[in-house]
All heavy atoms as atom14 arrays in JSON, in Angstrom:
{
  "sequence": "LKTRGITQLTMVGLALDFCVHFSAVDAARLGFQVTVDRTQCRAIDM",
  "atom14_mask": [
    [1, 1, 1, 1, 1, 1, 1, 1, 0, 0, 0, 0, 0, 0],
    [1, 1, 1, 1, 1, 1, 1, 1, 1, 0, 0, 0, 0, 0],
    [1, 1, 1, 1, 1, 1, 1, 0, 0, 0, 0, 0, 0, 0],
    [1, 1, 1, 1, 1, 1, 1, 1, 1, 1, 1, 0, 0, 0],
    [1, 1, 1, 1, 0, 0, 0, 0, 0, 0, 0, 0, 0, 0],
    [1, 1, 1, 1, 1, 1, 1, 1, 0, 0, 0, 0, 0, 0],
    [1, 1, 1, 1, 1, 1, 1, 0, 0, 0, 0, 0, 0, 0],
    [1, 1, 1, 1, 1, 1, 1, 1, 1, 0, 0, 0, 0, 0],
    [1, 1, 1, 1, 1, 1, 1, 1, 0, 0, 0, 0, 0, 0],
    [1, 1, 1, 1, 1, 1, 1, 0, 0, 0, 0, 0, 0, 0],
    [1, 1, 1, 1, 1, 1, 1, 1, 0, 0, 0, 0, 0, 0],
    [1, 1, 1, 1, 1, 1, 1, 0, 0, 0, 0, 0, 0, 0],
    [1, 1, 1, 1, 0, 0, 0, 0, 0, 0, 0, 0, 0, 0],
    [1, 1, 1, 1, 1, 1, 1, 1, 0, 0, 0, 0, 0, 0],
    [1, 1, 1, 1, 1, 0, 0, 0, 0, 0, 0, 0, 0, 0],
    [1, 1, 1, 1, 1, 1, 1, 1, 0, 0, 0, 0, 0, 0],
    [1, 1, 1, 1, 1, 1, 1, 1, 0, 0, 0, 0, 0, 0],
    [1, 1, 1, 1, 1, 1, 1, 1, 1, 1, 1, 0, 0, 0],
    [1, 1, 1, 1, 1, 1, 0, 0, 0, 0, 0, 0, 0, 0],
    [1, 1, 1, 1, 1, 1, 1, 0, 0, 0, 0, 0, 0, 0],
    [1, 1, 1, 1, 1, 1, 1, 1, 1, 1, 0, 0, 0, 0],
    [1, 1, 1, 1, 1, 1, 1, 1, 1, 1, 1, 0, 0, 0],
    [1, 1, 1, 1, 1, 1, 0, 0, 0, 0, 0, 0, 0, 0],
    [1, 1, 1, 1, 1, 0, 0, 0, 0, 0, 0, 0, 0, 0],
    [1, 1, 1, 1, 1, 1, 1, 0, 0, 0, 0, 0, 0, 0],
    [1, 1, 1, 1, 1, 1, 1, 1, 0, 0, 0, 0, 0, 0],
    [1, 1, 1, 1, 1, 0, 0, 0, 0, 0, 0, 0, 0, 0],
    [1, 1, 1, 1, 1, 0, 0, 0, 0, 0, 0, 0, 0, 0],
    [1, 1, 1, 1, 1, 1, 1, 1, 1, 1, 1, 0, 0, 0],
    [1, 1, 1, 1, 1, 1, 1, 1, 0, 0, 0, 0, 0, 0],
    [1, 1, 1, 1, 0, 0, 0, 0, 0, 0, 0, 0, 0, 0],
    [1, 1, 1, 1, 1, 1, 1, 1, 1, 1, 1, 0, 0, 0],
    [1, 1, 1, 1, 1, 1, 1, 1, 1, 0, 0, 0, 0, 0],
    [1, 1, 1, 1, 1, 1, 1, 0, 0, 0, 0, 0, 0, 0],
    [1, 1, 1, 1, 1, 1, 1, 0, 0, 0, 0, 0, 0, 0],
    [1, 1, 1, 1, 1, 1, 1, 0, 0, 0, 0, 0, 0, 0],
    [1, 1, 1, 1, 1, 1, 1, 1, 0, 0, 0, 0, 0, 0],
    [1, 1, 1, 1, 1, 1, 1, 1, 1, 1, 1, 0, 0, 0],
    [1, 1, 1, 1, 1, 1, 1, 0, 0, 0, 0, 0, 0, 0],
    [1, 1, 1, 1, 1, 1, 1, 1, 1, 0, 0, 0, 0, 0],
    [1, 1, 1, 1, 1, 1, 0, 0, 0, 0, 0, 0, 0, 0],
    [1, 1, 1, 1, 1, 1, 1, 1, 1, 1, 1, 0, 0, 0],
    [1, 1, 1, 1, 1, 0, 0, 0, 0, 0, 0, 0, 0, 0],
    [1, 1, 1, 1, 1, 1, 1, 1, 0, 0, 0, 0, 0, 0],
    [1, 1, 1, 1, 1, 1, 1, 1, 0, 0, 0, 0, 0, 0],
    [1, 1, 1, 1, 1, 1, 1, 1, 0, 0, 0, 0, 0, 0]
  ],
  "atom14_positions": [
    [[59.34, -134.35, 116.11], [57.93, -134.7, 116.28], [57.2, -133.65, 117.1], [56.08, -133.24, 116.76], [57.81, -136.06, 116.95], [58.3, -137.26, 116.13], [58.36, -138.51, 117.0], [57.41, -137.5, 114.92], [0.0, 0.0, 0.0], [0.0, 0.0, 0.0], [0.0, 0.0, 0.0], [0.0, 0.0, 0.0], [0.0, 0.0, 0.0], [0.0, 0.0, 0.0]],
    [[57.81, -133.2, 118.18], [57.14, -132.23, 119.05], [56.99, -130.88, 118.38], [55.97, -130.21, 118.53], [57.86, -132.16, 120.39], [57.65, -133.44, 121.2], [58.18, -133.39, 122.61], [57.74, -134.66, 123.36], [58.34, -134.76, 124.71], [0.0, 0.0, 0.0], [0.0, 0.0, 0.0], [0.0, 0.0, 0.0], [0.0, 0.0, 0.0], [0.0, 0.0, 0.0]],
    [[57.99, -130.49, 117.61], [57.89, -129.23, 116.86], [56.76, -129.29, 115.84], [56.06, -128.29, 115.6], [59.22, -128.93, 116.15], [60.25, -128.82, 117.13], [59.16, -127.63, 115.37], [0.0, 0.0, 0.0], [0.0, 0.0, 0.0], [0.0, 0.0, 0.0], [0.0, 0.0, 0.0], [0.0, 0.0, 0.0], [0.0, 0.0, 0.0], [0.0, 0.0, 0.0]],
    [[56.55, -130.46, 115.27], [55.48, -130.65, 114.29], [54.11, -130.86, 114.95], [53.1, -130.97, 114.25], [55.78, -131.88, 113.42], [57.02, -131.76, 112.53], [56.76, -131.01, 111.23], [55.61, -131.55, 110.5], [55.67, -132.51, 109.6], [56.85, -133.07, 109.3], [54.6, -132.93, 108.98], [0.0, 0.0, 0.0], [0.0, 0.0, 0.0], [0.0, 0.0, 0.0]],
    [[54.06, -130.97, 116.27], [52.79, -131.18, 116.95], [52.27, -132.61, 116.85], [51.07, -132.86, 117.03], [0.0, 0.0, 0.0], [0.0, 0.0, 0.0], [0.0, 0.0, 0.0], [0.0, 0.0, 0.0], [0.0, 0.0, 0.0], [0.0, 0.0, 0.0], [0.0, 0.0, 0.0], [0.0, 0.0, 0.0], [0.0, 0.0, 0.0], [0.0, 0.0, 0.0]],
    [[53.16, -133.56, 116.58], [52.76, -134.96, 116.43], [52.74, -135.63, 117.79], [53.71, -135.56, 118.54], [53.72, -135.69, 115.46], [53.58, -135.09, 114.05], [53.47, -137.19, 115.45], [54.67, -135.46, 113.1], [0.0, 0.0, 0.0], [0.0, 0.0, 0.0], [0.0, 0.0, 0.0], [0.0, 0.0, 0.0], [0.0, 0.0, 0.0], [0.0, 0.0, 0.0]],
    [[51.63, -136.29, 118.11], [51.47, -136.92, 119.42], [51.22, -138.42, 119.35], [51.41, -139.12, 120.35], [50.29, -136.28, 120.18], [49.09, -136.4, 119.38], [50.55, -134.8, 120.46], [0.0, 0.0, 0.0], [0.0, 0.0, 0.0], [0.0, 0.0, 0.0], [0.0, 0.0, 0.0], [0.0, 0.0, 0.0], [0.0, 0.0, 0.0], [0.0, 0.0, 0.0]],
    [[50.79, -138.91, 118.19], [50.45, -140.33, 118.04], [51.39, -140.98, 117.03], [51.53, -140.48, 115.91], [49.0, -140.48, 117.57], [47.98, -139.88, 118.52], [46.59, -139.87, 117.92], [46.3, -140.62, 117.0], [45.73, -139.01, 118.44], [0.0, 0.0, 0.0], [0.0, 0.0, 0.0], [0.0, 0.0, 0.0], [0.0, 0.0, 0.0], [0.0, 0.0, 0.0]],
    [[51.99, -142.1, 117.43], [52.95, -142.79, 116.58], [52.52, -144.23, 116.37], [52.11, -144.9, 117.32], [54.34, -142.79, 117.22], [54.92, -141.45, 117.67], [56.27, -141.67, 118.33], [55.02, -140.48, 116.5], [0.0, 0.0, 0.0], [0.0, 0.0, 0.0], [0.0, 0.0, 0.0], [0.0, 0.0, 0.0], [0.0, 0.0, 0.0], [0.0, 0.0, 0.0]],
    [[52.63, -144.7, 115.14], [52.49, -146.13, 114.84], [53.83, -146.6, 114.3], [54.4, -145.95, 113.41], [51.38, -146.38, 113.82], [50.13, -145.96, 114.39], [51.29, -147.85, 113.45], [0.0, 0.0, 0.0], [0.0, 0.0, 0.0], [0.0, 0.0, 0.0], [0.0, 0.0, 0.0], [0.0, 0.0, 0.0], [0.0, 0.0, 0.0], [0.0, 0.0, 0.0]],
    [[54.31, -147.71, 114.84], [55.62, -148.22, 114.44], [55.5, -149.57, 113.76], [54.73, -150.42, 114.18], [56.55, -148.32, 115.65], [56.85, -146.98, 116.28], [58.13, -147.09, 117.53], [58.2, -145.36, 118.03], [0.0, 0.0, 0.0], [0.0, 0.0, 0.0], [0.0, 0.0, 0.0], [0.0, 0.0, 0.0], [0.0, 0.0, 0.0], [0.0, 0.0, 0.0]],
    [[56.33, -149.73, 112.72], [56.42, -150.99, 111.97], [57.9, -151.18, 111.63], [58.7, -150.25, 111.72], [55.58, -150.95, 110.68], [54.1, -150.82, 110.99], [56.03, -149.79, 109.77], [0.0, 0.0, 0.0], [0.0, 0.0, 0.0], [0.0, 0.0, 0.0], [0.0, 0.0, 0.0], [0.0, 0.0, 0.0], [0.0, 0.0, 0.0], [0.0, 0.0, 0.0]],
    [[58.28, -152.41, 111.22], [59.63, -152.59, 110.71], [60.39, -153.72, 111.37], [59.81, -154.69, 111.86], [0.0, 0.0, 0.0], [0.0, 0.0, 0.0], [0.0, 0.0, 0.0], [0.0, 0.0, 0.0], [0.0, 0.0, 0.0], [0.0, 0.0, 0.0], [0.0, 0.0, 0.0], [0.0, 0.0, 0.0], [0.0, 0.0, 0.0], [0.0, 0.0, 0.0]],
    [[61.73, -153.54, 111.4], [62.65, -154.6, 111.78], [63.65, -154.08, 112.83], [64.09, -152.95, 112.73], [63.42, -155.09, 110.56], [62.55, -155.5, 109.35], [63.43, -155.76, 108.13], [61.7, -156.7, 109.67], [0.0, 0.0, 0.0], [0.0, 0.0, 0.0], [0.0, 0.0, 0.0], [0.0, 0.0, 0.0], [0.0, 0.0, 0.0], [0.0, 0.0, 0.0]],
    [[64.0, -154.88, 113.76], [63.32, -156.11, 114.15], [62.44, -155.8, 115.35], [62.77, -154.96, 116.19], [64.34, -157.19, 114.52], [0.0, 0.0, 0.0], [0.0, 0.0, 0.0], [0.0, 0.0, 0.0], [0.0, 0.0, 0.0], [0.0, 0.0, 0.0], [0.0, 0.0, 0.0], [0.0, 0.0, 0.0], [0.0, 0.0, 0.0], [0.0, 0.0, 0.0]],
    [[61.31, -156.47, 115.42], [60.31, -156.18, 116.45], [60.9, -156.24, 117.86], [60.57, -155.42, 118.72], [59.15, -157.18, 116.34], [58.04, -157.09, 117.38], [57.43, -155.7, 117.44], [56.96, -158.14, 117.1], [0.0, 0.0, 0.0], [0.0, 0.0, 0.0], [0.0, 0.0, 0.0], [0.0, 0.0, 0.0], [0.0, 0.0, 0.0], [0.0, 0.0, 0.0]],
    [[61.8, -157.2, 118.12], [62.3, -157.4, 119.48], [63.54, -156.57, 119.81], [64.02, -156.61, 120.94], [62.57, -158.88, 119.75], [63.28, -159.59, 118.61], [63.31, -159.07, 117.49], [63.79, -160.7, 118.84], [0.0, 0.0, 0.0], [0.0, 0.0, 0.0], [0.0, 0.0, 0.0], [0.0, 0.0, 0.0], [0.0, 0.0, 0.0], [0.0, 0.0, 0.0]],
    [[64.04, -155.79, 118.85], [65.17, -154.92, 119.13], [64.86, -153.47, 118.78], [64.4, -152.72, 119.62], [66.45, -155.44, 118.44], [67.04, -156.62, 119.17], [66.69, -157.92, 118.82], [67.9, -156.44, 120.24], [67.21, -159.01, 119.51], [68.43, -157.52, 120.95], [68.08, -158.81, 120.58], [0.0, 0.0, 0.0], [0.0, 0.0, 0.0], [0.0, 0.0, 0.0]],
    [[65.05, -153.06, 117.54], [64.92, -151.65, 117.23], [63.49, -151.12, 117.34], [63.28, -150.01, 117.8], [65.52, -151.37, 115.86], [67.32, -151.65, 115.84], [0.0, 0.0, 0.0], [0.0, 0.0, 0.0], [0.0, 0.0, 0.0], [0.0, 0.0, 0.0], [0.0, 0.0, 0.0], [0.0, 0.0, 0.0], [0.0, 0.0, 0.0], [0.0, 0.0, 0.0]],
    [[62.5, -151.93, 116.94], [61.11, -151.49, 117.11], [60.78, -151.4, 118.6], [60.21, -150.4, 119.07], [60.14, -152.43, 116.37], [58.69, -152.02, 116.65], [60.41, -152.42, 114.87], [0.0, 0.0, 0.0], [0.0, 0.0, 0.0], [0.0, 0.0, 0.0], [0.0, 0.0, 0.0], [0.0, 0.0, 0.0], [0.0, 0.0, 0.0], [0.0, 0.0, 0.0]],
    [[61.13, -152.42, 119.35], [60.88, -152.47, 120.79], [61.48, -151.25, 121.5], [60.79, -150.53, 122.24], [61.47, -153.79, 121.34], [61.82, -153.8, 122.78], [62.9, -154.49, 123.26], [61.26, -153.22, 123.86], [62.99, -154.35, 124.57], [62.01, -153.57, 124.96], [0.0, 0.0, 0.0], [0.0, 0.0, 0.0], [0.0, 0.0, 0.0], [0.0, 0.0, 0.0]],
    [[62.77, -150.99, 121.31], [63.43, -149.88, 122.01], [62.86, -148.54, 121.57], [62.7, -147.62, 122.39], [64.94, -149.94, 121.79], [65.64, -150.95, 122.67], [65.71, -152.29, 122.29], [66.2, -150.58, 123.88], [66.34, -153.23, 123.1], [66.83, -151.52, 124.7], [66.9, -152.84, 124.31], [0.0, 0.0, 0.0], [0.0, 0.0, 0.0], [0.0, 0.0, 0.0]],
    [[62.53, -148.4, 120.29], [61.93, -147.16, 119.81], [60.57, -146.93, 120.44], [60.24, -145.8, 120.86], [61.78, -147.21, 118.28], [63.03, -147.34, 117.65], [0.0, 0.0, 0.0], [0.0, 0.0, 0.0], [0.0, 0.0, 0.0], [0.0, 0.0, 0.0], [0.0, 0.0, 0.0], [0.0, 0.0, 0.0], [0.0, 0.0, 0.0], [0.0, 0.0, 0.0]],
    [[59.76, -147.98, 120.53], [58.41, -147.85, 121.08], [58.45, -147.5, 122.57], [57.7, -146.62, 123.04], [57.63, -149.14, 120.86], [0.0, 0.0, 0.0], [0.0, 0.0, 0.0], [0.0, 0.0, 0.0], [0.0, 0.0, 0.0], [0.0, 0.0, 0.0], [0.0, 0.0, 0.0], [0.0, 0.0, 0.0], [0.0, 0.0, 0.0], [0.0, 0.0, 0.0]],
    [[59.31, -148.16, 123.32], [59.42, -147.89, 124.76], [59.9, -146.46, 125.0], [59.37, -145.74, 125.85], [60.33, -148.92, 125.44], [60.68, -148.51, 126.86], [59.66, -150.3, 125.44], [0.0, 0.0, 0.0], [0.0, 0.0, 0.0], [0.0, 0.0, 0.0], [0.0, 0.0, 0.0], [0.0, 0.0, 0.0], [0.0, 0.0, 0.0], [0.0, 0.0, 0.0]],
    [[60.91, -146.03, 124.25], [61.39, -144.66, 124.41], [60.31, -143.65, 124.05], [60.13, -142.64, 124.74], [62.63, -144.42, 123.54], [63.91, -144.97, 124.16], [63.89, -145.33, 125.35], [64.93, -145.03, 123.44], [0.0, 0.0, 0.0], [0.0, 0.0, 0.0], [0.0, 0.0, 0.0], [0.0, 0.0, 0.0], [0.0, 0.0, 0.0], [0.0, 0.0, 0.0]],
    [[59.59, -143.9, 122.97], [58.53, -142.97, 122.56], [57.46, -142.84, 123.64], [57.0, -141.74, 123.95], [57.91, -143.42, 121.25], [0.0, 0.0, 0.0], [0.0, 0.0, 0.0], [0.0, 0.0, 0.0], [0.0, 0.0, 0.0], [0.0, 0.0, 0.0], [0.0, 0.0, 0.0], [0.0, 0.0, 0.0], [0.0, 0.0, 0.0], [0.0, 0.0, 0.0]],
    [[57.05, -143.98, 124.22], [56.05, -143.94, 125.29], [56.57, -143.18, 126.49], [55.85, -142.38, 127.11], [55.65, -145.36, 125.67], [0.0, 0.0, 0.0], [0.0, 0.0, 0.0], [0.0, 0.0, 0.0], [0.0, 0.0, 0.0], [0.0, 0.0, 0.0], [0.0, 0.0, 0.0], [0.0, 0.0, 0.0], [0.0, 0.0, 0.0], [0.0, 0.0, 0.0]],
    [[57.83, -143.41, 126.83], [58.45, -142.72, 127.98], [58.5, -141.21, 127.75], [58.41, -140.42, 128.69], [59.86, -143.29, 128.19], [60.62, -142.72, 129.35], [61.88, -143.52, 129.66], [62.77, -143.68, 128.51], [63.66, -142.77, 128.12], [63.76, -141.62, 128.77], [64.44, -143.0, 127.07], [0.0, 0.0, 0.0], [0.0, 0.0, 0.0], [0.0, 0.0, 0.0]],
    [[58.62, -140.8, 126.48], [58.67, -139.38, 126.14], [57.29, -138.75, 126.04], [57.17, -137.56, 125.77], [59.42, -139.2, 124.82], [60.92, -139.54, 124.87], [61.5, -139.6, 123.46], [61.68, -138.55, 125.73], [0.0, 0.0, 0.0], [0.0, 0.0, 0.0], [0.0, 0.0, 0.0], [0.0, 0.0, 0.0], [0.0, 0.0, 0.0], [0.0, 0.0, 0.0]],
    [[56.23, -139.54, 126.23], [54.89, -139.0, 126.27], [54.05, -139.16, 125.01], [52.93, -138.64, 124.94], [0.0, 0.0, 0.0], [0.0, 0.0, 0.0], [0.0, 0.0, 0.0], [0.0, 0.0, 0.0], [0.0, 0.0, 0.0], [0.0, 0.0, 0.0], [0.0, 0.0, 0.0], [0.0, 0.0, 0.0], [0.0, 0.0, 0.0], [0.0, 0.0, 0.0]],
    [[54.57, -139.87, 124.02], [53.78, -140.11, 122.81], [52.82, -141.28, 123.04], [53.08, -142.17, 123.84], [54.71, -140.45, 121.64], [55.61, -139.32, 121.23], [56.93, -139.25, 121.7], [55.16, -138.32, 120.4], [57.77, -138.21, 121.34], [55.99, -137.26, 120.03], [57.3, -137.21, 120.51], [0.0, 0.0, 0.0], [0.0, 0.0, 0.0], [0.0, 0.0, 0.0]],
    [[51.7, -141.26, 122.31], [50.79, -142.42, 122.26], [51.32, -143.34, 121.17], [51.4, -142.94, 120.01], [49.36, -141.97, 121.94], [48.73, -141.09, 122.99], [47.35, -140.63, 122.56], [46.71, -141.22, 121.7], [46.87, -139.55, 123.17], [0.0, 0.0, 0.0], [0.0, 0.0, 0.0], [0.0, 0.0, 0.0], [0.0, 0.0, 0.0], [0.0, 0.0, 0.0]],
    [[51.67, -144.57, 121.56], [52.41, -145.44, 120.65], [51.65, -146.74, 120.39], [51.21, -147.41, 121.32], [53.8, -145.79, 121.22], [54.62, -146.57, 120.19], [54.55, -144.53, 121.64], [0.0, 0.0, 0.0], [0.0, 0.0, 0.0], [0.0, 0.0, 0.0], [0.0, 0.0, 0.0], [0.0, 0.0, 0.0], [0.0, 0.0, 0.0], [0.0, 0.0, 0.0]],
    [[51.54, -147.08, 119.11], [50.99, -148.36, 118.68], [52.05, -149.07, 117.85], [52.69, -148.44, 117.0], [49.73, -148.15, 117.83], [48.74, -147.48, 118.61], [49.16, -149.49, 117.34], [0.0, 0.0, 0.0], [0.0, 0.0, 0.0], [0.0, 0.0, 0.0], [0.0, 0.0, 0.0], [0.0, 0.0, 0.0], [0.0, 0.0, 0.0], [0.0, 0.0, 0.0]],
    [[52.24, -150.36, 118.09], [53.11, -151.18, 117.25], [52.22, -152.17, 116.51], [51.48, -152.94, 117.13], [54.17, -151.92, 118.08], [54.91, -152.94, 117.22], [55.16, -150.92, 118.68], [0.0, 0.0, 0.0], [0.0, 0.0, 0.0], [0.0, 0.0, 0.0], [0.0, 0.0, 0.0], [0.0, 0.0, 0.0], [0.0, 0.0, 0.0], [0.0, 0.0, 0.0]],
    [[52.28, -152.11, 115.18], [51.5, -153.02, 114.34], [52.37, -154.24, 114.03], [53.22, -154.21, 113.14], [51.07, -152.32, 113.05], [50.15, -153.19, 112.2], [50.12, -154.42, 112.4], [49.46, -152.64, 111.32], [0.0, 0.0, 0.0], [0.0, 0.0, 0.0], [0.0, 0.0, 0.0], [0.0, 0.0, 0.0], [0.0, 0.0, 0.0], [0.0, 0.0, 0.0]],
    [[52.15, -155.3, 114.8], [53.02, -156.48, 114.68], [52.84, -157.21, 113.35], [53.72, -157.97, 112.95], [52.75, -157.44, 115.85], [53.24, -156.89, 117.18], [52.89, -157.79, 118.33], [51.45, -157.81, 118.54], [50.83, -158.55, 119.47], [51.54, -159.35, 120.25], [49.52, -158.5, 119.6], [0.0, 0.0, 0.0], [0.0, 0.0, 0.0], [0.0, 0.0, 0.0]],
    [[51.73, -156.96, 112.64], [51.57, -157.62, 111.34], [52.59, -157.1, 110.32], [52.88, -157.78, 109.35], [50.15, -157.43, 110.77], [49.95, -156.04, 110.42], [49.09, -157.86, 111.76], [0.0, 0.0, 0.0], [0.0, 0.0, 0.0], [0.0, 0.0, 0.0], [0.0, 0.0, 0.0], [0.0, 0.0, 0.0], [0.0, 0.0, 0.0], [0.0, 0.0, 0.0]],
    [[53.11, -155.91, 110.57], [54.09, -155.3, 109.66], [55.46, -155.19, 110.33], [56.22, -154.25, 110.08], [53.59, -153.93, 109.18], [52.25, -153.97, 108.5], [52.18, -154.96, 107.34], [53.14, -155.13, 106.59], [51.05, -155.63, 107.18], [0.0, 0.0, 0.0], [0.0, 0.0, 0.0], [0.0, 0.0, 0.0], [0.0, 0.0, 0.0], [0.0, 0.0, 0.0]],
    [[55.76, -156.15, 111.18], [57.06, -156.29, 111.82], [57.5, -157.74, 111.71], [56.68, -158.64, 111.53], [57.0, -155.94, 113.31], [56.55, -154.24, 113.72], [0.0, 0.0, 0.0], [0.0, 0.0, 0.0], [0.0, 0.0, 0.0], [0.0, 0.0, 0.0], [0.0, 0.0, 0.0], [0.0, 0.0, 0.0], [0.0, 0.0, 0.0], [0.0, 0.0, 0.0]],
    [[58.78, -157.99, 111.84], [59.33, -159.33, 111.99], [60.38, -159.26, 113.09], [60.98, -158.21, 113.32], [59.94, -159.85, 110.69], [58.95, -160.03, 109.55], [57.92, -161.13, 109.82], [57.02, -161.33, 108.69], [55.86, -160.71, 108.52], [55.46, -159.79, 109.41], [55.09, -160.96, 107.47], [0.0, 0.0, 0.0], [0.0, 0.0, 0.0], [0.0, 0.0, 0.0]],
    [[60.62, -160.41, 113.76], [61.51, -160.44, 114.93], [62.68, -161.39, 114.71], [62.6, -162.35, 113.95], [60.72, -160.88, 116.16], [0.0, 0.0, 0.0], [0.0, 0.0, 0.0], [0.0, 0.0, 0.0], [0.0, 0.0, 0.0], [0.0, 0.0, 0.0], [0.0, 0.0, 0.0], [0.0, 0.0, 0.0], [0.0, 0.0, 0.0], [0.0, 0.0, 0.0]],
    [[63.76, -161.12, 115.42], [64.9, -162.04, 115.46], [64.58, -163.2, 116.41], [64.86, -164.35, 116.12], [66.18, -161.3, 115.93], [66.56, -160.22, 114.91], [67.33, -162.29, 116.14], [67.69, -159.32, 115.37], [0.0, 0.0, 0.0], [0.0, 0.0, 0.0], [0.0, 0.0, 0.0], [0.0, 0.0, 0.0], [0.0, 0.0, 0.0], [0.0, 0.0, 0.0]],
    [[63.96, -162.88, 117.55], [63.56, -163.85, 118.59], [64.75, -164.7, 119.04], [64.76, -165.92, 118.92], [62.39, -164.72, 118.15], [61.67, -165.33, 119.37], [61.91, -164.86, 120.5], [60.87, -166.26, 119.18], [0.0, 0.0, 0.0], [0.0, 0.0, 0.0], [0.0, 0.0, 0.0], [0.0, 0.0, 0.0], [0.0, 0.0, 0.0], [0.0, 0.0, 0.0]],
    [[65.74, -164.02, 119.6], [66.96, -164.64, 120.09], [66.8, -164.96, 121.57], [66.64, -164.05, 122.39], [68.12, -163.65, 119.88], [69.47, -164.15, 120.23], [70.72, -162.89, 119.86], [70.49, -161.77, 121.22], [0.0, 0.0, 0.0], [0.0, 0.0, 0.0], [0.0, 0.0, 0.0], [0.0, 0.0, 0.0], [0.0, 0.0, 0.0], [0.0, 0.0, 0.0]]
  ]
}
């Protein structure tokens, strides 16, 4: 992403409370602007 000059990320997919969640938090920690579109996610909710 950084080599490509990409700074803004939108995330969708499965599962919102595990893989989407950890991906989004890591991306924010790495300095990306991150949006999660919950309408295009589903959760396990364990």
